[in-house]
N, C-alpha and C. Protein backbone atom coordinates (compact mmCIF):
# COMPACT_ATOMS: atom_id res chain seq x y z
N UNK A 1 39.29 71.64 -57.06
CA UNK A 1 38.69 72.89 -56.35
C UNK A 1 38.33 73.79 -56.24
N UNK A 2 37.25 74.45 -55.10
CA UNK A 2 36.17 75.49 -55.71
C UNK A 2 37.01 76.96 -56.00
N UNK A 3 36.21 77.47 -57.58
CA UNK A 3 36.36 78.59 -57.41
C UNK A 3 35.50 79.56 -56.99
N UNK A 4 36.18 80.84 -56.07
CA UNK A 4 35.84 81.87 -55.89
C UNK A 4 35.64 83.37 -56.68
N UNK A 5 34.56 83.54 -57.13
CA UNK A 5 34.51 84.70 -58.14
C UNK A 5 34.41 85.89 -57.26
N UNK A 6 35.04 86.85 -57.63
CA UNK A 6 35.52 87.82 -56.25
C UNK A 6 35.46 89.36 -56.93
N UNK A 7 34.36 89.66 -56.79
CA UNK A 7 33.37 91.22 -57.09
C UNK A 7 34.76 92.07 -57.68
N UNK A 8 34.97 93.04 -58.81
CA UNK A 8 35.83 94.25 -58.99
C UNK A 8 35.88 95.01 -57.91
N UNK A 9 35.43 95.37 -56.49
CA UNK A 9 35.76 96.28 -55.85
C UNK A 9 37.52 95.34 -55.26
N UNK A 10 36.84 94.17 -55.09
CA UNK A 10 38.29 93.48 -54.10
C UNK A 10 39.10 92.91 -54.84
N UNK A 11 38.99 93.34 -56.34
CA UNK A 11 40.33 92.53 -57.43
C UNK A 11 41.68 93.18 -56.79
N UNK A 12 41.56 94.59 -55.88
CA UNK A 12 42.82 94.90 -55.80
C UNK A 12 43.60 93.76 -55.29
N UNK A 13 42.93 93.24 -53.98
CA UNK A 13 43.48 92.32 -52.77
C UNK A 13 44.26 90.75 -53.70
N UNK A 14 43.39 90.73 -54.75
CA UNK A 14 43.89 89.12 -55.04
C UNK A 14 44.51 89.74 -56.64
N UNK A 15 45.44 90.96 -56.63
CA UNK A 15 46.12 90.77 -57.90
C UNK A 15 45.49 90.97 -59.19
N UNK A 16 44.49 91.86 -58.92
CA UNK A 16 43.01 91.62 -60.17
C UNK A 16 42.85 90.72 -60.63
N UNK A 17 42.79 89.17 -60.40
CA UNK A 17 42.00 88.15 -60.50
C UNK A 17 40.98 88.19 -60.15
N UNK A 18 39.93 88.20 -61.14
CA UNK A 18 38.38 87.62 -61.06
C UNK A 18 37.80 86.22 -60.58
N UNK A 19 38.84 85.19 -60.60
CA UNK A 19 38.62 84.36 -59.60
C UNK A 19 39.36 84.35 -59.58
N UNK A 20 39.06 83.01 -58.22
CA UNK A 20 40.78 82.25 -57.35
C UNK A 20 40.22 80.98 -56.90
N UNK A 21 40.94 79.94 -57.39
CA UNK A 21 40.94 78.55 -57.00
C UNK A 21 40.98 78.49 -55.48
N UNK A 22 40.71 77.61 -55.29
CA UNK A 22 40.38 77.22 -53.01
C UNK A 22 40.04 75.91 -53.21
N UNK A 23 40.90 74.91 -52.32
CA UNK A 23 40.87 73.76 -52.08
C UNK A 23 40.42 74.10 -50.07
N UNK A 24 38.61 73.74 -50.25
CA UNK A 24 38.42 73.84 -48.84
C UNK A 24 36.87 72.84 -48.98
N UNK A 25 36.77 72.50 -47.24
CA UNK A 25 35.48 72.04 -46.95
C UNK A 25 34.51 72.30 -46.36
N UNK A 26 34.64 73.93 -46.03
CA UNK A 26 33.59 74.59 -45.46
C UNK A 26 33.88 76.16 -46.29
N UNK A 27 32.68 76.85 -46.27
CA UNK A 27 32.85 78.28 -46.40
C UNK A 27 34.21 79.36 -45.63
N UNK A 28 33.59 78.77 -44.52
CA UNK A 28 34.59 79.44 -43.63
C UNK A 28 36.40 79.02 -44.15
N UNK A 29 36.31 77.75 -44.35
CA UNK A 29 37.83 77.39 -45.21
C UNK A 29 38.60 78.08 -46.13
N UNK A 30 37.49 77.73 -47.01
CA UNK A 30 37.63 79.24 -47.91
C UNK A 30 38.02 80.50 -47.77
N UNK A 31 37.11 80.95 -47.13
CA UNK A 31 37.54 82.65 -46.90
C UNK A 31 38.93 82.53 -46.06
N UNK A 32 39.70 81.57 -44.86
CA UNK A 32 40.84 81.94 -44.31
C UNK A 32 41.79 80.90 -45.04
N UNK A 33 41.78 80.62 -46.23
CA UNK A 33 42.51 79.89 -47.20
C UNK A 33 42.97 80.95 -48.42
N UNK A 34 42.01 81.54 -48.40
CA UNK A 34 41.73 82.94 -49.46
C UNK A 34 42.60 84.03 -48.61
N UNK A 35 42.38 83.79 -47.97
CA UNK A 35 42.93 85.39 -46.67
C UNK A 35 44.75 85.25 -46.66
N UNK A 36 44.76 83.74 -46.79
CA UNK A 36 46.53 83.34 -46.72
C UNK A 36 46.93 83.50 -47.66
N UNK A 37 45.91 83.65 -48.68
CA UNK A 37 47.43 83.73 -50.26
C UNK A 37 46.96 85.42 -50.53
N UNK A 38 45.27 85.99 -49.88
CA UNK A 38 45.50 87.58 -50.16
C UNK A 38 44.91 88.16 -48.66
N UNK A 39 46.18 88.64 -48.58
CA UNK A 39 45.46 89.53 -47.14
C UNK A 39 44.78 90.29 -47.45
N UNK A 40 43.90 90.38 -46.10
CA UNK A 40 42.45 91.02 -46.64
C UNK A 40 41.74 91.10 -47.32
N UNK A 41 41.64 89.47 -47.43
CA UNK A 41 40.24 89.39 -47.97
C UNK A 41 39.25 89.07 -46.57
N UNK A 42 39.47 88.02 -46.01
CA UNK A 42 38.85 87.90 -44.80
C UNK A 42 38.20 89.08 -44.35
N UNK A 43 39.00 90.50 -44.30
CA UNK A 43 38.14 91.32 -43.28
C UNK A 43 37.24 91.98 -44.38
N UNK A 44 37.45 91.90 -45.43
CA UNK A 44 36.23 92.66 -46.49
C UNK A 44 35.21 91.73 -46.59
N UNK A 45 35.19 90.21 -46.08
CA UNK A 45 33.97 89.41 -46.05
C UNK A 45 33.11 89.21 -44.82
N UNK A 46 34.14 88.98 -43.50
CA UNK A 46 33.13 88.79 -42.00
C UNK A 46 34.05 89.80 -41.29
N UNK A 47 32.55 90.40 -40.29
CA UNK A 47 33.04 91.94 -39.55
C UNK A 47 33.71 91.15 -38.57
N UNK A 48 33.94 92.34 -37.33
CA UNK A 48 34.77 91.80 -36.12
C UNK A 48 34.38 91.07 -35.21
N UNK A 49 33.21 90.12 -35.20
CA UNK A 49 32.26 88.92 -34.97
C UNK A 49 32.62 87.66 -35.44
N UNK A 50 33.05 88.11 -36.74
CA UNK A 50 33.69 86.73 -37.67
C UNK A 50 32.15 86.60 -38.34
N UNK A 51 30.76 86.96 -38.46
CA UNK A 51 30.12 86.88 -38.95
C UNK A 51 30.35 87.48 -40.20
N UNK A 52 29.56 86.90 -41.50
CA UNK A 52 29.43 87.52 -42.86
C UNK A 52 28.81 88.96 -42.66
N UNK A 53 29.46 89.86 -43.30
CA UNK A 53 28.56 91.25 -43.13
C UNK A 53 27.61 91.59 -43.66
N UNK A 54 26.68 92.29 -43.21
CA UNK A 54 25.58 92.20 -43.81
C UNK A 54 24.99 92.72 -45.46
N UNK A 55 25.83 93.39 -46.09
CA UNK A 55 25.93 93.79 -47.28
C UNK A 55 27.12 93.05 -48.20
N UNK A 56 27.09 92.02 -47.59
CA UNK A 56 27.90 91.18 -48.17
C UNK A 56 26.99 89.78 -48.66
N UNK A 57 26.67 89.56 -49.37
CA UNK A 57 26.07 88.26 -50.31
C UNK A 57 27.30 87.46 -50.75
N UNK A 58 26.46 86.33 -50.26
CA UNK A 58 27.65 84.65 -50.96
C UNK A 58 26.74 84.26 -51.49
N UNK A 59 27.19 83.26 -51.98
CA UNK A 59 26.22 82.32 -53.22
C UNK A 59 27.09 80.37 -53.65
N UNK A 60 26.90 80.39 -52.80
CA UNK A 60 27.19 78.57 -53.57
C UNK A 60 26.66 78.40 -54.68
N UNK A 61 26.72 78.22 -55.66
CA UNK A 61 26.51 77.36 -56.48
C UNK A 61 25.01 78.06 -56.88
N UNK A 62 24.80 79.18 -56.35
CA UNK A 62 23.48 79.92 -57.17
C UNK A 62 22.32 80.09 -55.93
N UNK A 63 23.34 79.78 -54.55
CA UNK A 63 22.05 79.38 -52.85
C UNK A 63 22.91 80.25 -52.38
N UNK A 64 22.10 81.20 -51.72
CA UNK A 64 22.51 81.85 -50.50
C UNK A 64 23.05 81.46 -49.36
N UNK A 65 24.08 81.71 -49.03
CA UNK A 65 24.65 80.65 -47.64
C UNK A 65 23.84 81.53 -46.45
N UNK A 66 23.63 82.11 -46.87
CA UNK A 66 22.56 82.88 -45.55
C UNK A 66 21.04 81.98 -45.15
N UNK A 67 21.01 81.15 -46.29
CA UNK A 67 19.94 79.86 -46.07
C UNK A 67 20.39 78.82 -46.03
N UNK A 68 21.50 78.71 -46.53
CA UNK A 68 22.11 76.89 -45.88
C UNK A 68 22.68 77.02 -44.67
N UNK A 69 23.93 76.88 -44.45
CA UNK A 69 24.61 76.61 -43.24
C UNK A 69 25.96 77.86 -42.75
N UNK A 70 25.60 79.05 -43.74
CA UNK A 70 26.06 80.36 -42.98
C UNK A 70 27.25 79.64 -43.70
N UNK A 71 28.34 79.83 -42.75
CA UNK A 71 29.92 80.00 -42.71
C UNK A 71 30.47 78.74 -42.97
N UNK A 72 29.53 77.52 -42.55
CA UNK A 72 29.46 76.00 -42.04
C UNK A 72 29.11 75.36 -43.58
N UNK A 73 28.32 75.79 -44.66
CA UNK A 73 28.26 75.82 -45.50
C UNK A 73 29.57 74.71 -45.94
N UNK A 74 29.10 73.43 -46.09
CA UNK A 74 30.16 72.62 -47.15
C UNK A 74 30.44 72.90 -48.35
N UNK A 75 31.47 73.03 -48.87
CA UNK A 75 32.26 73.57 -50.39
C UNK A 75 32.84 72.27 -50.65
N UNK A 76 32.36 72.03 -51.73
CA UNK A 76 33.07 71.19 -53.06
C UNK A 76 34.03 71.03 -53.52
N UNK A 77 34.61 70.29 -54.42
CA UNK A 77 34.97 70.44 -55.73
C UNK A 77 34.11 71.01 -56.96
N UNK A 78 34.80 71.72 -57.70
CA UNK A 78 33.91 72.25 -58.55
C UNK A 78 32.77 73.32 -57.90
N UNK A 79 32.55 73.37 -56.97
CA UNK A 79 31.46 74.03 -56.06
C UNK A 79 31.55 75.32 -57.11
N UNK A 80 31.11 76.85 -57.46
CA UNK A 80 31.13 77.81 -57.51
C UNK A 80 30.87 79.07 -56.35
N UNK A 81 31.73 79.72 -55.96
CA UNK A 81 31.39 80.71 -54.85
C UNK A 81 31.23 82.57 -55.12
N UNK A 82 30.34 83.07 -54.64
CA UNK A 82 29.96 83.91 -55.75
C UNK A 82 30.02 84.93 -54.16
N UNK A 83 30.58 86.15 -54.39
CA UNK A 83 31.01 87.29 -53.35
C UNK A 83 30.60 88.17 -54.22
N UNK A 84 29.01 88.73 -53.66
CA UNK A 84 28.07 90.29 -53.98
C UNK A 84 27.96 91.06 -52.79
N UNK A 85 29.03 92.22 -53.49
CA UNK A 85 28.40 93.14 -52.23
C UNK A 85 27.13 93.92 -52.36
N UNK A 86 26.70 94.20 -51.64
CA UNK A 86 25.08 94.40 -51.79
C UNK A 86 25.18 96.06 -52.66
N UNK A 87 24.31 96.05 -52.81
CA UNK A 87 24.57 97.68 -53.84
C UNK A 87 23.44 98.52 -53.61
N UNK A 88 23.32 99.95 -53.26
CA UNK A 88 22.58 100.74 -52.71
C UNK A 88 22.10 101.52 -53.25
N UNK A 89 21.36 102.76 -53.87
CA UNK A 89 21.28 104.23 -54.42
C UNK A 89 20.11 103.79 -55.69
N UNK A 90 19.92 104.92 -56.18
CA UNK A 90 19.49 105.04 -57.24
C UNK A 90 18.62 106.48 -57.64
N UNK A 91 17.96 106.09 -58.08
CA UNK A 91 16.76 106.75 -58.47
C UNK A 91 14.93 106.49 -58.86
N UNK A 92 13.65 107.07 -58.18
CA UNK A 92 12.60 106.58 -58.49
C UNK A 92 12.31 107.31 -59.93
């Protein structure tokens, strides 16, 4: 099973879990399976067209999925999927 690392703002959906285990063959399947167990997960990750929201970054084993195959990126047992919301703000 792959591990999805859930960012703190999304943990209310996962019952406080910072990591969830998912059996899937692609990132899209992982998102769908996570949403089946934790309703609302998908809508936090994907926009209304089904694409990864522009302010959400997803890495599989440290590589940005946008540089791989996006939602079609393969997911294997023991892969680590990190969901990272973009941060903005601050001062110079």
